[in-house]
Protein backbone atom coordinates (compact mmCIF):
# COMPACT_ATOMS: atom_id res chain seq x y z
CA MET A 1 -83.62 -10.14 6.47
CA LEU A 2 -83.28 -11.09 2.48
CA MET A 3 -83.54 -6.85 1.81
CA GLU A 4 -80.52 -6.87 4.33
CA LYS A 5 -78.25 -8.23 1.61
CA ILE A 6 -78.49 -5.35 -0.65
CA ASP A 7 -75.70 -3.11 -0.77
CA ARG A 8 -77.52 -0.61 0.57
CA LYS A 9 -75.39 2.83 0.19
CA GLU A 10 -74.61 1.66 -3.60
CA LEU A 11 -78.19 1.52 -4.53
CA ILE A 12 -79.02 4.71 -2.64
CA LEU A 13 -76.00 6.74 -4.00
CA ARG A 14 -76.32 5.01 -7.88
CA GLY A 15 -79.21 2.56 -8.18
CA ASN A 16 -82.83 3.46 -8.90
CA ILE A 17 -84.18 6.08 -7.06
CA TYR A 18 -87.64 4.53 -7.11
CA LYS A 19 -86.18 1.41 -5.91
CA ALA A 20 -84.01 2.92 -3.13
CA ILE A 21 -87.13 4.78 -1.78
CA ALA A 22 -88.79 1.48 -1.71
CA ILE A 23 -86.47 -0.94 0.10
CA ILE A 24 -85.78 1.96 2.48
CA SER A 25 -89.15 2.76 3.36
CA ILE A 26 -90.98 0.07 2.88
CA PRO A 27 -89.77 -1.13 6.40
CA LEU A 28 -90.49 1.81 8.13
CA MET A 29 -94.24 1.64 6.74
CA ILE A 30 -94.17 -1.21 8.37
CA ASN A 31 -92.01 0.23 11.52
CA ASN A 32 -94.80 2.61 11.44
CA PHE A 33 -97.68 0.67 11.61
CA ILE A 34 -95.99 -1.69 14.14
CA HIS A 35 -95.68 1.60 16.14
CA THR A 36 -99.42 2.75 15.66
CA LEU A 37 -100.09 -1.05 17.12
CA TYR A 38 -99.11 -0.19 20.63
CA ASN A 39 -101.33 2.53 20.84
CA LEU A 40 -103.81 0.97 19.07
CA ALA A 41 -103.95 -2.04 20.93
CA ASP A 42 -104.36 -0.40 24.40
CA GLY A 43 -107.10 1.91 23.11
CA PHE A 44 -108.66 -1.11 21.44
CA PHE A 45 -108.53 -3.33 24.53
CA VAL A 46 -109.45 -0.07 26.89
CA ALA A 47 -112.52 1.18 24.65
CA ARG A 48 -113.96 -2.43 24.41
CA GLY A 49 -113.33 -3.77 27.97
CA VAL A 50 -112.91 -1.09 30.19
CA GLY A 51 -114.61 1.98 29.57
CA PRO A 52 -115.22 5.42 27.78
CA VAL A 53 -113.26 7.83 30.24
CA GLU A 54 -110.44 5.04 30.38
CA PHE A 55 -110.14 5.13 26.34
CA ALA A 56 -109.76 9.21 26.61
CA ALA A 57 -107.79 9.13 29.45
CA THR A 58 -105.21 7.41 26.98
CA SER A 59 -105.70 9.81 24.33
CA PHE A 60 -105.47 12.77 26.17
CA VAL A 61 -102.10 11.96 27.36
CA SER A 62 -100.58 10.99 24.20
CA PRO A 63 -99.24 14.76 23.84
CA VAL A 64 -97.91 14.74 27.32
CA ILE A 65 -96.15 11.27 26.05
CA MET A 66 -94.61 13.34 22.79
CA PHE A 67 -93.80 16.54 24.39
CA PHE A 68 -91.24 14.52 26.52
CA ASN A 69 -90.01 11.82 24.07
CA ALA A 70 -89.41 15.31 21.46
CA LEU A 71 -85.74 15.47 22.84
CA GLY A 72 -85.33 11.59 22.45
CA ARG A 73 -86.62 11.87 18.95
CA GLY A 74 -84.72 15.18 18.19
CA ILE A 75 -81.31 13.09 18.85
CA ALA A 76 -82.55 10.30 16.67
CA VAL A 77 -82.85 13.05 14.25
CA ALA A 78 -79.65 14.11 14.17
CA GLY A 79 -77.91 11.01 14.60
CA THR A 80 -79.36 10.27 11.25
CA ALA A 81 -78.51 13.02 9.35
CA ILE A 82 -74.75 12.92 10.79
CA LEU A 83 -74.46 9.59 10.47
CA SER A 84 -76.07 9.20 6.68
CA GLN A 85 -74.29 12.07 5.85
CA LEU A 86 -70.86 10.27 7.52
CA VAL A 87 -71.91 7.33 5.68
CA GLY A 88 -72.49 8.94 2.12
CA ALA A 89 -69.12 10.47 2.71
CA SER A 90 -67.33 7.20 4.11
CA LYS A 91 -66.16 8.77 7.61
CA TYR A 92 -67.05 5.14 9.26
CA GLU A 93 -64.97 5.91 12.38
CA GLU A 94 -65.79 9.60 12.44
CA ALA A 95 -69.59 7.91 12.55
CA ASN A 96 -68.79 4.80 15.38
CA LYS A 97 -67.13 8.20 18.04
CA TYR A 98 -70.76 10.08 17.25
CA THR A 99 -72.73 6.80 17.98
CA SER A 100 -71.66 6.76 21.45
CA GLN A 101 -71.82 10.08 22.44
CA LEU A 102 -75.57 9.77 21.08
CA LEU A 103 -76.43 6.83 23.00
CA VAL A 104 -74.92 8.24 26.52
CA ILE A 105 -76.74 11.81 26.11
CA SER A 106 -80.22 10.10 25.14
CA LEU A 107 -79.35 7.69 28.53
CA LEU A 108 -78.78 10.52 30.71
CA PHE A 109 -81.81 12.94 29.37
CA SER A 110 -84.69 10.21 29.57
CA ILE A 111 -83.59 8.83 33.39
CA CYS A 112 -84.00 12.54 34.02
CA PHE A 113 -87.66 12.97 32.36
CA THR A 114 -88.52 9.98 33.91
CA ILE A 115 -88.03 11.62 37.59
CA ILE A 116 -89.41 15.18 36.65
CA GLY A 117 -92.10 13.47 34.67
CA TYR A 118 -93.66 11.38 37.08
CA TRP A 119 -93.12 13.88 39.75
CA LEU A 120 -94.88 16.33 37.81
CA SER A 121 -97.58 14.46 36.13
CA PRO A 122 -100.74 15.34 38.32
CA ILE A 123 -99.79 19.02 37.69
CA ILE A 124 -99.57 18.52 34.00
CA ILE A 125 -102.80 16.99 33.60
CA GLY A 126 -104.61 19.44 35.88
CA TRP A 127 -103.66 22.26 34.02
CA MET A 128 -105.07 20.71 31.06
CA GLY A 129 -108.26 20.69 32.24
CA ALA A 130 -108.59 17.14 32.65
CA GLY A 131 -112.17 16.53 35.19
CA GLU A 132 -112.18 13.89 38.19
CA ASP A 133 -112.66 10.75 36.44
CA LEU A 134 -110.41 11.84 33.47
CA ALA A 135 -107.71 13.39 35.82
CA TYR A 136 -107.25 10.17 38.21
CA TYR A 137 -106.71 7.52 34.93
CA SER A 138 -105.46 9.83 33.00
CA ASN A 139 -102.26 10.15 35.99
CA LEU A 140 -102.39 6.64 36.39
CA TYR A 141 -101.43 6.06 32.89
CA LEU A 142 -99.21 8.58 32.32
CA ARG A 143 -96.90 7.82 35.39
CA ILE A 144 -96.26 4.16 33.92
CA CYS A 145 -95.64 4.59 31.25
CA PHE A 146 -92.92 7.53 31.71
CA LEU A 147 -90.96 4.41 33.05
CA GLY A 148 -90.34 3.33 29.86
CA PHE A 149 -88.91 6.68 28.72
CA PRO A 150 -84.66 4.83 29.22
CA PHE A 151 -85.89 2.45 26.99
CA ILE A 152 -87.53 4.11 24.05
CA PHE A 153 -85.03 6.71 23.77
CA VAL A 154 -82.14 4.13 23.80
CA PHE A 155 -83.88 2.32 20.75
CA PHE A 156 -83.99 6.04 19.22
CA VAL A 157 -80.63 6.10 18.83
CA PHE A 158 -80.28 2.13 17.54
CA ASN A 159 -82.96 2.66 14.80
CA SER A 160 -80.79 6.32 13.64
CA ILE A 161 -77.87 3.87 13.55
CA LEU A 162 -79.38 1.23 11.80
CA THR A 163 -81.47 3.62 9.26
CA SER A 164 -78.53 6.03 8.50
CA GLN A 165 -77.36 2.57 6.94
CA GLY A 166 -80.31 1.95 4.94
CA TYR A 167 -80.83 -1.48 7.62
CA THR A 168 -84.75 -0.52 8.10
CA MET A 169 -85.66 -4.40 8.14
CA VAL A 170 -84.04 -5.41 10.99
CA SER A 171 -85.59 -3.03 13.15
CA THR A 172 -88.84 -3.40 11.68
CA THR A 173 -88.61 -6.97 12.50
CA LEU A 174 -87.62 -5.73 16.29
CA SER A 175 -90.46 -3.66 16.13
CA ALA A 176 -92.84 -6.16 15.12
CA ILE A 177 -91.74 -9.01 18.22
CA SER A 178 -92.10 -5.82 20.87
CA ALA A 179 -95.51 -4.83 19.48
CA LEU A 180 -96.79 -8.54 19.41
CA ALA A 181 -95.82 -8.57 23.05
CA ASN A 182 -97.77 -5.92 23.63
CA ILE A 183 -100.56 -7.05 22.10
CA VAL A 184 -100.28 -10.20 23.87
CA LEU A 185 -99.75 -8.59 27.43
CA ASP A 186 -102.63 -5.85 26.51
CA PRO A 187 -105.51 -8.80 27.20
CA ILE A 188 -103.45 -10.60 29.66
CA PHE A 189 -103.08 -7.59 31.90
CA ILE A 190 -106.08 -6.25 31.64
CA TYR A 191 -109.03 -8.78 31.41
CA ILE A 192 -106.98 -11.72 33.56
CA PHE A 193 -105.13 -10.07 36.16
CA LYS A 194 -108.24 -7.26 36.15
CA TRP A 195 -105.78 -4.73 36.22
CA GLY A 196 -107.20 -2.60 33.72
CA LEU A 197 -105.58 0.48 32.38
CA ARG A 198 -102.99 0.07 34.45
CA GLY A 199 -102.48 -3.16 33.04
CA ALA A 200 -102.17 -1.51 29.50
CA ALA A 201 -99.48 1.36 30.51
CA ILE A 202 -97.44 -1.77 32.21
CA ALA A 203 -97.89 -4.12 28.94
CA THR A 204 -95.95 -0.87 27.03
CA VAL A 205 -93.49 -0.43 28.96
CA LEU A 206 -92.90 -4.38 29.50
CA SER A 207 -92.84 -4.21 25.30
CA GLN A 208 -90.37 -1.44 25.31
CA PHE A 209 -87.91 -3.25 27.45
CA ILE A 210 -88.13 -6.12 24.96
CA LEU A 211 -87.31 -3.79 22.20
CA VAL A 212 -84.18 -1.96 23.42
CA ILE A 213 -82.87 -5.54 24.82
CA GLY A 214 -83.21 -6.46 21.07
CA GLY A 215 -81.84 -3.66 19.66
CA ILE A 216 -78.86 -4.25 21.38
CA TYR A 217 -78.70 -7.80 19.56
CA VAL A 218 -79.20 -6.14 16.40
CA VAL A 219 -76.55 -2.91 16.28
CA ARG A 220 -74.00 -5.73 17.31
CA LYS A 221 -75.17 -8.61 14.65
CA TYR A 222 -76.37 -6.45 11.70
CA SER A 223 -74.58 -2.79 11.90
CA THR A 224 -70.94 -3.80 10.14
CA ARG A 225 -69.87 0.21 9.28
CA ILE A 226 -71.30 1.47 12.83
CA ARG A 227 -70.95 0.40 16.10
CA PRO A 228 -70.72 2.21 19.15
CA SER A 229 -67.75 1.34 21.69
CA PHE A 230 -67.82 2.91 25.28
CA LYS A 231 -63.45 2.13 25.82
CA LYS A 232 -62.33 5.12 27.07
CA PHE A 233 -65.38 6.96 26.90
CA HIS A 234 -65.55 10.83 27.29
CA PHE A 235 -67.93 13.53 26.06
CA ASP A 236 -66.46 15.30 23.34
CA LEU A 237 -68.08 18.63 23.75
CA THR A 238 -67.61 19.72 19.90
CA LYS A 239 -69.37 16.35 18.86
CA ILE A 240 -71.79 17.49 21.47
CA LYS A 241 -72.62 20.79 20.13
CA ARG A 242 -72.59 19.69 16.83
CA ILE A 243 -75.32 17.09 18.00
CA GLY A 244 -77.01 19.89 19.44
CA ARG A 245 -77.41 22.35 16.61
CA VAL A 246 -79.05 19.51 14.65
CA ALA A 247 -80.88 18.18 17.35
CA LEU A 248 -82.28 21.38 18.96
CA PRO A 249 -84.34 22.27 16.35
CA SER A 250 -86.02 19.23 15.79
CA SER A 251 -86.18 18.95 19.74
CA VAL A 252 -88.46 21.96 19.84
CA GLY A 253 -90.19 21.88 16.79
CA GLN A 254 -91.62 18.47 18.59
CA THR A 255 -92.02 19.67 21.40
CA GLY A 256 -93.82 22.66 20.56
CA SER A 257 -95.95 20.76 18.27
CA SER A 258 -96.38 18.32 21.34
CA LEU A 259 -97.44 21.18 23.24
CA GLY A 260 -99.56 22.24 21.01
CA PHE A 261 -101.75 19.02 21.15
CA MET A 262 -102.21 19.55 24.68
CA VAL A 263 -103.53 22.86 24.31
CA LEU A 264 -105.74 21.38 21.54
CA ASN A 265 -106.49 18.77 23.72
CA SER A 266 -107.28 21.07 26.66
CA PHE A 267 -109.77 22.96 23.69
CA ILE A 268 -111.42 19.89 22.71
CA ALA A 269 -112.16 18.61 26.75
CA HIS A 270 -114.90 21.54 26.81
CA TYR A 271 -116.64 19.87 24.17
CA GLY A 272 -117.02 17.28 26.39
CA THR A 273 -115.55 13.45 27.05
CA ALA A 274 -117.45 12.24 23.20
CA THR A 275 -115.94 14.92 21.46
CA LEU A 276 -112.42 13.85 23.39
CA ALA A 277 -113.12 10.37 22.68
CA GLY A 278 -113.56 10.40 18.70
CA PHE A 279 -110.71 12.56 18.09
CA GLY A 280 -108.65 10.33 20.11
CA MET A 281 -110.15 7.26 17.53
CA GLY A 282 -110.26 9.66 14.65
CA ASN A 283 -106.57 10.13 15.02
CA ARG A 284 -105.76 6.64 15.70
CA ILE A 285 -107.61 5.50 12.13
CA THR A 286 -105.93 8.50 10.34
CA ASN A 287 -102.48 7.51 11.69
CA LEU A 288 -102.41 4.37 10.08
CA VAL A 289 -104.38 5.65 6.79
CA MET A 290 -100.41 8.20 7.03
CA GLN A 291 -97.89 5.18 8.01
CA PRO A 292 -96.94 4.73 3.88
CA PRO A 293 -96.39 8.64 3.52
CA MET A 294 -94.39 8.33 6.73
CA GLY A 295 -92.27 5.72 6.15
CA ILE A 296 -91.53 7.45 2.57
CA GLY A 297 -90.63 10.58 4.56
CA MET A 298 -88.49 8.98 7.20
CA GLY A 299 -86.67 6.64 3.96
CA LEU A 300 -85.91 9.89 2.42
CA THR A 301 -83.82 11.29 5.41
CA THR A 302 -81.29 8.60 4.63
CA ILE A 303 -81.57 8.85 0.99
CA VAL A 304 -80.95 12.54 1.11
CA GLY A 305 -78.54 12.47 3.84
CA GLN A 306 -76.28 9.79 2.48
CA ASN A 307 -76.15 11.99 -1.09
CA ILE A 308 -75.52 15.06 0.05
CA GLY A 309 -72.67 13.56 2.29
CA ALA A 310 -71.39 11.93 -1.23
CA ASP A 311 -72.02 15.72 -3.20
CA GLN A 312 -74.79 14.62 -5.09
CA VAL A 313 -77.21 17.35 -4.45
CA ASP A 314 -78.94 17.01 -7.82
CA ARG A 315 -80.14 13.09 -6.92
CA ALA A 316 -81.03 13.93 -3.67
CA GLU A 317 -83.51 16.52 -5.06
CA LYS A 318 -84.90 13.54 -7.65
CA ALA A 319 -85.26 11.50 -5.21
CA PHE A 320 -87.27 13.93 -3.21
CA LYS A 321 -89.28 14.83 -6.14
CA LYS A 322 -90.26 10.95 -6.43
CA ALA A 323 -91.11 10.52 -3.19
CA MET A 324 -93.69 13.55 -3.51
CA LYS A 325 -95.17 11.77 -6.42
CA ILE A 326 -95.83 8.60 -4.25
CA SER A 327 -96.62 10.32 -1.46
CA LEU A 328 -99.81 11.98 -3.35
CA PHE A 329 -100.84 9.11 -4.60
CA PHE A 330 -101.73 7.33 -1.02
CA GLY A 331 -102.94 10.87 0.01
CA LEU A 332 -105.46 10.70 -2.62
CA PHE A 333 -106.46 6.98 -1.34
CA GLY A 334 -106.31 7.63 2.05
CA THR A 335 -108.92 10.76 0.79
CA LEU A 336 -111.41 8.32 -0.63
CA VAL A 337 -111.00 5.83 2.14
CA LEU A 338 -111.67 7.87 5.20
CA PHE A 339 -114.51 10.25 3.25
CA PHE A 340 -116.61 6.96 2.28
CA LEU A 341 -115.58 4.53 4.57
CA ASN A 342 -115.54 6.11 7.93
CA GLY A 343 -119.08 4.51 9.30
CA PRO A 344 -117.13 1.49 8.84
CA LEU A 345 -114.01 2.21 10.38
CA VAL A 346 -115.48 3.61 13.51
CA ARG A 347 -118.00 0.90 14.08
CA GLY A 348 -115.49 -1.84 13.59
CA PHE A 349 -112.80 0.03 16.23
CA LEU A 350 -115.67 0.03 18.71
CA GLY A 351 -117.16 -3.11 18.05
CA SER A 352 -119.98 -4.00 20.75
CA ASN A 353 -118.87 -1.26 22.91
CA TYR A 354 -120.48 1.01 20.81
CA ASP A 355 -121.57 5.24 21.95
CA VAL A 356 -123.35 7.03 19.16
CA GLU A 357 -122.02 10.16 20.22
CA THR A 358 -118.16 9.14 20.42
CA ALA A 359 -119.05 7.16 17.06
CA GLN A 360 -120.83 10.29 15.55
CA GLU A 361 -117.69 12.35 16.77
CA SER A 362 -115.22 10.31 15.02
CA MET A 363 -117.42 9.96 11.84
CA SER A 364 -117.74 13.65 11.38
CA TYR A 365 -113.70 14.19 12.17
CA LEU A 366 -112.44 11.62 9.59
CA ARG A 367 -115.08 13.20 7.03
CA TYR A 368 -113.13 16.87 7.05
CA ILE A 369 -109.70 15.25 7.52
CA ALA A 370 -110.33 13.46 4.43
CA PHE A 371 -109.32 16.01 2.75
CA ALA A 372 -106.09 17.07 4.10
CA MET A 373 -104.83 13.49 3.80
CA PRO A 374 -102.68 14.18 0.32
CA PHE A 375 -101.15 17.61 2.58
CA MET A 376 -100.51 15.72 5.23
CA GLY A 377 -98.03 13.38 2.96
CA PHE A 378 -96.19 16.23 1.78
CA PHE A 379 -95.72 17.42 5.15
CA SER A 380 -93.75 14.61 5.96
CA ILE A 381 -91.63 14.18 2.86
CA PHE A 382 -90.87 18.08 3.03
CA HIS A 383 -89.66 16.51 6.94
CA GLY A 384 -87.68 14.00 5.34
CA LEU A 385 -86.02 16.60 3.22
CA PHE A 386 -84.99 18.95 5.54
CA GLN A 387 -83.84 16.68 8.13
CA GLY A 388 -81.87 14.42 5.93
CA SER A 389 -79.80 17.89 4.81
CA GLY A 390 -80.03 18.65 8.34
CA HIS A 391 -81.53 21.81 8.15
CA THR A 392 -84.05 20.88 11.39
CA LYS A 393 -84.94 24.29 11.79
CA TYR A 394 -87.31 23.95 8.78
CA SER A 395 -89.01 21.17 9.97
CA MET A 396 -89.10 22.91 13.58
CA ALA A 397 -90.83 25.79 11.75
CA MET A 398 -93.33 23.48 9.87
CA GLY A 399 -94.06 21.57 13.06
CA ILE A 400 -94.50 24.42 15.44
CA GLY A 401 -96.27 26.89 12.41
CA ARG A 402 -98.90 24.08 11.77
CA LEU A 403 -100.14 24.31 15.25
CA TRP A 404 -99.30 27.58 16.70
CA ALA A 405 -99.79 30.22 13.95
CA ILE A 406 -102.37 28.20 12.15
CA ARG A 407 -104.55 25.66 13.89
CA LEU A 408 -104.59 26.71 17.32
CA PRO A 409 -105.24 30.25 16.07
CA LEU A 410 -108.41 28.87 13.71
CA ILE A 411 -109.86 27.18 16.63
CA TYR A 412 -110.21 29.88 18.83
CA PHE A 413 -111.94 31.99 15.94
CA PHE A 414 -114.10 28.81 15.31
CA LYS A 415 -115.13 28.32 18.84
CA ASN A 416 -115.84 31.47 20.14
CA PHE A 417 -117.17 33.44 16.48
CA THR A 418 -119.12 31.09 15.31
CA ARG A 419 -121.51 28.25 16.10
CA LEU A 420 -119.78 25.28 14.04
CA GLY A 421 -118.60 23.31 17.95
CA SER A 422 -116.72 20.65 17.31
CA THR A 423 -116.96 21.08 13.27
CA GLY A 424 -114.47 24.19 13.58
CA ILE A 425 -111.46 21.61 15.17
CA TRP A 426 -111.92 19.39 12.56
CA ILE A 427 -111.76 22.59 9.59
CA SER A 428 -108.86 24.32 11.51
CA MET A 429 -106.71 20.89 11.24
CA THR A 430 -107.33 20.39 7.39
CA LEU A 431 -106.94 24.47 6.76
CA SER A 432 -103.81 23.75 9.04
CA ASN A 433 -102.27 20.96 7.12
CA PHE A 434 -102.65 22.87 3.53
CA LEU A 435 -101.19 26.26 4.71
CA ILE A 436 -98.16 24.63 6.19
CA CYS A 437 -97.38 22.76 3.47
CA VAL A 438 -97.72 26.28 1.13
CA TYR A 439 -94.59 27.27 3.54
CA GLY A 440 -92.60 23.92 3.21
CA TYR A 441 -92.65 24.36 -0.89
CA MET A 442 -91.50 28.04 -0.58
CA ILE A 443 -88.37 26.77 1.63
CA TYR A 444 -87.80 24.03 -1.07
CA ARG A 445 -88.03 26.41 -3.77
CA SER A 446 -85.49 28.42 -2.18
CA GLY A 447 -82.75 25.53 -1.92
CA LYS A 448 -81.84 26.92 1.47
CA TRP A 449 -81.68 23.22 2.23
CA LYS A 450 -79.06 22.20 0.11
CA GLU A 451 -76.18 23.86 2.08
CA ARG A 452 -74.44 20.94 4.05
CA ILE A 453 -74.10 20.19 8.05
CA ILE A 454 -71.26 17.41 7.06
CA ALA A 455 -68.73 18.40 3.32
CA SER A 456 -67.34 15.05 2.83
CA ASN A 457 -63.76 16.37 1.97
CA VAL A 458 -63.73 19.06 5.15
CA LYS A 459 -62.81 17.81 8.65
CA GLU A 460 -65.40 18.36 11.16
CA LYS A 461 -64.94 21.94 11.55
CA THR A 462 -68.01 22.23 8.69
CA ILE A 463 -70.73 20.55 10.25
C-alpha cells in the first residue's frame, strides 16, 4: 500500500501530470485486468472442461448482465464525477452526504434488478434467438449471476468513493483477492463437485460477496476524507436529482450499448455456435490487450474531475492530451500483438479442447479488430474526459452511437448485401470504433465539456 501514502490530491492538482496518470491509472489497469479474470476464469475452465455450447452460453449472456449492470455503473460514474469535483473543491462534508445517498440508491435498484432479471431470464434468452441447448445453459448461468447484483452494485459505489480521491490501489488489492477466490472456486465447483456451468456461476457470485465485504473494510480504513454515515439518514431529493442528472445519461449509454450487444449477439448466432464462440473468445483476448487504455481512461475521470472542481480546466485538458499519447502507444502495441500473434493466443486459450472452426473464427476476428486497437483506446480516453467533467451525455452518445448508428447498420448491410459472411461483422466493428472517435474529437474541440456540473465557489445549485 506504499502508493497510497502519496498525497493524491496534491499530485493531481499540482504534481507532474504523467506521474499522476501513472499512479492513478496503473492500479486501475490491474483492476480491469483482474475484473476480466472473472469472465476469463469461467470461460477458461468451461471451455477446457465442459463443452463449446456451455462456453458459448457464457459469452451469449454477457450483454444481458451488462445491460442490467448499466444503472449501477451509471450511479458509480455519477459518484466518481461528483465526488472528485467536491474533493477538488475541498467540500468533504458535502461529499459524505452524497455517498450515503449513492449507497442506498444502488442497493435498492440492485435488489429490484435481481428479482426482475431472474424472472425474465428465459424470456430474454428466447428473444435473443438461442437454440435449445444454448437457451438451457444460458438461462442456467444467467439466473445464478443475477443473484450477485446487490454485491456488485454496492461495490461500484465503494469503488467510486476510493477512485474519486485517487485511492485506487486498495480497491485493486481487494479485487485481486476476489478474483483469486473465483479462480480457486471455479475448478472446485466445476470439476470436483461436478456442477459444471452452474459451478462457474456460483463461484462468481461468491467471489462478488467477498468483494463487497472487503469493500466495507477498506472504505472504513482508507477513506479518511469521505466516509458514508447513515445516522438520521433520509432521502435527499435534491441530491438524488443531481445524481440522476449525471447518472442517467451514463446508464442510458451503457444500457443502450448492452442492448446493442444483445442484438449483435443475436446476429452472430445466425452464423452458428462456432462463430459465436469465436467472437466470445476474441472479445476476451481483446479485453486483456485493452486494459491499459481502459485504466488510463478511468484514471482520467478522477484527474479531470478534481482539476475542474479546483478551477483548473487548462490542467485537465493537458492531462487529457497526455493520456491520448500514452493510449496511442498501447493501441499500436495491441495492433501488432493481435495481428501477428492471434494464432498462438487462440490455441493457448483453447488448449487440448481445440475446435478448429471456433479457432478460425477467433483468429479472423482478431486480425481485423487489430486495426481498431488505437481507436478503442481513444474511445476510453474520451469517456474519461466526458465523465470526469460530468458531461456524461457525450459518453452516452458515443456508447450508443458506436453500436446503433454505425456498427449494427453496417452488419445488416454486409449480412444482406454482400457475401462476406462473418467477416462483415469484424469489418463493421473496426469501422465503428474509428468513426465514433471522429465524433468524440469533434465534441472535444467544441469545448462544451469544460462547463462544470459543480462550481467550487457556489453552493449546490450550480450542479
